[in-house]
Structures are given as structure tokens and as C-alpha cells.
Amino acid sequence: MADAVPEIFRPILWSYDFDRIDPVKHRKTLIIQAINYGTLDHWRWLRQSYGRDSVRQVLATVSATEIRPRARRLASLMFDVDHLNYAPRGTH
């Protein structure tokens, strides 16, 4: 695991204090932001730093609505995610 988040993440973490982002503590945030707004370089870093299984576990626990529609299919292929969680209708 990297000690710090690479500079390439700064633009996709615009709403966070980049200097305080910890790759272990903020794993979910980094994964979701990279999947939604990152490039292939960001995705490669996720896979190299966290591993395919760890990224898959995070994606399996978040609501599908947290992932941009255009990124869902590619994320499911690259990280071998069988399905994303959709909230059933009438849960509110």
C-alpha cells in the first residue's frame, strides 16, 4: 500500500482536503471517486494499490447509484463485480 495518494488524484478529489487523504483510511472515497471521475491511470493505481478483490468488495457494498452509469459496466468488467447493489423500490 502506498504511503500517500499520488498527485494524479488531486483533480478528482476537488471537494476533499487532498493533503489529508489517507489511502488506508479513505479507501472507499478514493475508489468511488476514481471509478466515477478517474482515468485508466487512476483505475490501474486502484488495482495495483488495493488489489482487485479489495476494490470489488468496496463496489459490492455501495449503492449502484453512487457509481456513474457510464462507469458501472467498465468497473464491473475490470474488477469482476457480478452486480452492484440497487435499493429496492419503496425503501423510503
C-alpha atoms as a PDB file:
ATOM      1  CA  MET A   1       0.000   0.000   0.000  1.00  0.00           C
ATOM      2  CA  ALA A   2       1.263   3.425  -0.936  1.00  0.00           C
ATOM      3  CA  ASP A   3       2.013   5.859   1.880  1.00  0.00           C
ATOM      4  CA  ALA A   4       0.424   8.761   0.049  1.00  0.00           C
ATOM      5  CA  VAL A   5      -2.113   9.323  -2.667  1.00  0.00           C
ATOM      6  CA  PRO A   6      -0.464  10.191  -5.998  1.00  0.00           C
ATOM      7  CA  GLU A   7      -0.799  13.741  -7.322  1.00  0.00           C
ATOM      8  CA  ILE A   8      -2.874  12.476 -10.253  1.00  0.00           C
ATOM      9  CA  PHE A   9      -5.741  12.106  -7.759  1.00  0.00           C
ATOM     10  CA  ARG A  10      -5.813  15.803  -6.803  1.00  0.00           C
ATOM     11  CA  PRO A  11      -8.175  16.838  -9.661  1.00  0.00           C
ATOM     12  CA  ILE A  12     -10.717  14.095  -8.888  1.00  0.00           C
ATOM     13  CA  LEU A  13     -10.665  14.851  -5.155  1.00  0.00           C
ATOM     14  CA  TRP A  14     -11.574  18.509  -5.629  1.00  0.00           C
ATOM     15  CA  SER A  15     -14.066  18.525  -2.754  1.00  0.00           C
ATOM     16  CA  TYR A  16     -11.662  16.955  -0.238  1.00  0.00           C
ATOM     17  CA  ASP A  17      -8.595  18.223   1.594  1.00  0.00           C
ATOM     18  CA  PHE A  18      -6.141  16.368  -0.613  1.00  0.00           C
ATOM     19  CA  ASP A  19      -3.228  16.707   1.801  1.00  0.00           C
ATOM     20  CA  ARG A  20      -5.219  14.878   4.487  1.00  0.00           C
ATOM     21  CA  ILE A  21      -6.390  11.972   2.345  1.00  0.00           C
ATOM     22  CA  ASP A  22      -5.012   8.714   3.706  1.00  0.00           C
ATOM     23  CA  PRO A  23      -5.025   5.759   1.283  1.00  0.00           C
ATOM     24  CA  VAL A  24      -5.971   3.304   4.028  1.00  0.00           C
ATOM     25  CA  LYS A  25      -8.469   5.367   5.990  1.00  0.00           C
ATOM     26  CA  HIS A  26     -10.156   6.854   2.895  1.00  0.00           C
ATOM     27  CA  ARG A  27     -10.068   3.740   0.705  1.00  0.00           C
ATOM     28  CA  LYS A  28     -13.782   3.848  -0.147  1.00  0.00           C
ATOM     29  CA  THR A  29     -13.662   7.528  -1.110  1.00  0.00           C
ATOM     30  CA  LEU A  30     -10.625   7.009  -3.325  1.00  0.00           C
ATOM     31  CA  ILE A  31     -12.188   4.023  -5.042  1.00  0.00           C
ATOM     32  CA  ILE A  32     -15.542   5.699  -5.690  1.00  0.00           C
ATOM     33  CA  GLN A  33     -14.000   8.965  -6.900  1.00  0.00           C
ATOM     34  CA  ALA A  34     -11.543   7.147  -9.174  1.00  0.00           C
ATOM     35  CA  ILE A  35     -14.255   4.930 -10.651  1.00  0.00           C
ATOM     36  CA  ASN A  36     -16.557   7.892 -11.259  1.00  0.00           C
ATOM     37  CA  TYR A  37     -14.122  10.570 -12.401  1.00  0.00           C
ATOM     38  CA  GLY A  38     -10.745   8.953 -12.938  1.00  0.00           C
ATOM     39  CA  THR A  39      -8.826   7.844 -15.970  1.00  0.00           C
ATOM     40  CA  LEU A  40      -7.416   4.446 -16.725  1.00  0.00           C
ATOM     41  CA  ASP A  41      -4.277   5.505 -14.797  1.00  0.00           C
ATOM     42  CA  HIS A  42      -6.384   6.028 -11.663  1.00  0.00           C
ATOM     43  CA  TRP A  43      -8.027   2.640 -12.128  1.00  0.00           C
ATOM     44  CA  ARG A  44      -4.628   0.974 -12.557  1.00  0.00           C
ATOM     45  CA  TRP A  45      -3.435   2.592  -9.338  1.00  0.00           C
ATOM     46  CA  LEU A  46      -6.508   1.235  -7.534  1.00  0.00           C
ATOM     47  CA  ARG A  47      -5.839  -2.251  -8.807  1.00  0.00           C
ATOM     48  CA  GLN A  48      -2.136  -2.100  -8.005  1.00  0.00           C
ATOM     49  CA  SER A  49      -2.562  -0.495  -4.569  1.00  0.00           C
ATOM     50  CA  TYR A  50      -5.682  -2.198  -3.243  1.00  0.00           C
ATOM     51  CA  GLY A  51      -5.960  -5.267  -5.411  1.00  0.00           C
ATOM     52  CA  ARG A  52      -8.879  -6.435  -7.474  1.00  0.00           C
ATOM     53  CA  ASP A  53     -10.593  -8.206  -4.566  1.00  0.00           C
ATOM     54  CA  SER A  54     -10.493  -5.181  -2.275  1.00  0.00           C
ATOM     55  CA  VAL A  55     -11.917  -2.873  -4.955  1.00  0.00           C
ATOM     56  CA  ARG A  56     -14.589  -5.470  -5.723  1.00  0.00           C
ATOM     57  CA  GLN A  57     -15.547  -5.636  -2.033  1.00  0.00           C
ATOM     58  CA  VAL A  58     -15.998  -1.875  -1.844  1.00  0.00           C
ATOM     59  CA  LEU A  59     -18.043  -1.792  -5.049  1.00  0.00           C
ATOM     60  CA  ALA A  60     -20.228  -4.620  -3.741  1.00  0.00           C
ATOM     61  CA  THR A  61     -21.084  -2.636  -0.598  1.00  0.00           C
ATOM     62  CA  VAL A  62     -22.025   0.708  -2.144  1.00  0.00           C
ATOM     63  CA  SER A  63     -25.292   1.558  -3.793  1.00  0.00           C
ATOM     64  CA  ALA A  64     -25.199   1.363  -7.576  1.00  0.00           C
ATOM     65  CA  THR A  65     -26.405   4.956  -7.637  1.00  0.00           C
ATOM     66  CA  GLU A  66     -23.031   6.028  -6.195  1.00  0.00           C
ATOM     67  CA  ILE A  67     -21.400   4.896  -9.437  1.00  0.00           C
ATOM     68  CA  ARG A  68     -21.979   6.934 -12.584  1.00  0.00           C
ATOM     69  CA  PRO A  69     -23.925   4.915 -15.155  1.00  0.00           C
ATOM     70  CA  ARG A  70     -21.180   5.158 -17.777  1.00  0.00           C
ATOM     71  CA  ALA A  71     -18.610   3.786 -15.319  1.00  0.00           C
ATOM     72  CA  ARG A  72     -20.706   0.877 -13.981  1.00  0.00           C
ATOM     73  CA  ARG A  73     -20.182  -1.523 -16.861  1.00  0.00           C
ATOM     74  CA  LEU A  74     -16.455  -0.931 -17.188  1.00  0.00           C
ATOM     75  CA  ALA A  75     -15.969  -1.199 -13.419  1.00  0.00           C
ATOM     76  CA  SER A  76     -17.894  -4.458 -13.350  1.00  0.00           C
ATOM     77  CA  LEU A  77     -15.658  -5.838 -16.109  1.00  0.00           C
ATOM     78  CA  MET A  78     -12.328  -4.568 -14.823  1.00  0.00           C
ATOM     79  CA  PHE A  79     -12.914  -5.515 -11.200  1.00  0.00           C
ATOM     80  CA  ASP A  80     -15.085  -8.579 -11.863  1.00  0.00           C
ATOM     81  CA  VAL A  81     -18.134  -7.292  -9.998  1.00  0.00           C
ATOM     82  CA  ASP A  82     -21.103  -9.593 -10.517  1.00  0.00           C
ATOM     83  CA  HIS A  83     -23.672  -6.986  -9.594  1.00  0.00           C
ATOM     84  CA  LEU A  84     -23.993  -3.598  -7.988  1.00  0.00           C
ATOM     85  CA  ASN A  85     -26.463  -3.020  -5.196  1.00  0.00           C
ATOM     86  CA  TYR A  86     -29.690  -1.354  -6.184  1.00  0.00           C
ATOM     87  CA  ALA A  87     -32.019  -0.172  -3.465  1.00  0.00           C
ATOM     88  CA  PRO A  88     -35.403  -1.850  -3.791  1.00  0.00           C
ATOM     89  CA  ARG A  89     -38.335   0.396  -4.643  1.00  0.00           C
ATOM     90  CA  GLY A  90     -40.284   1.748  -1.749  1.00  0.00           C
ATOM     91  CA  THR A  91     -37.375   1.815   0.705  1.00  0.00           C
ATOM     92  CA  HIS A  92     -38.013   5.413   1.691  1.00  0.00           C
END
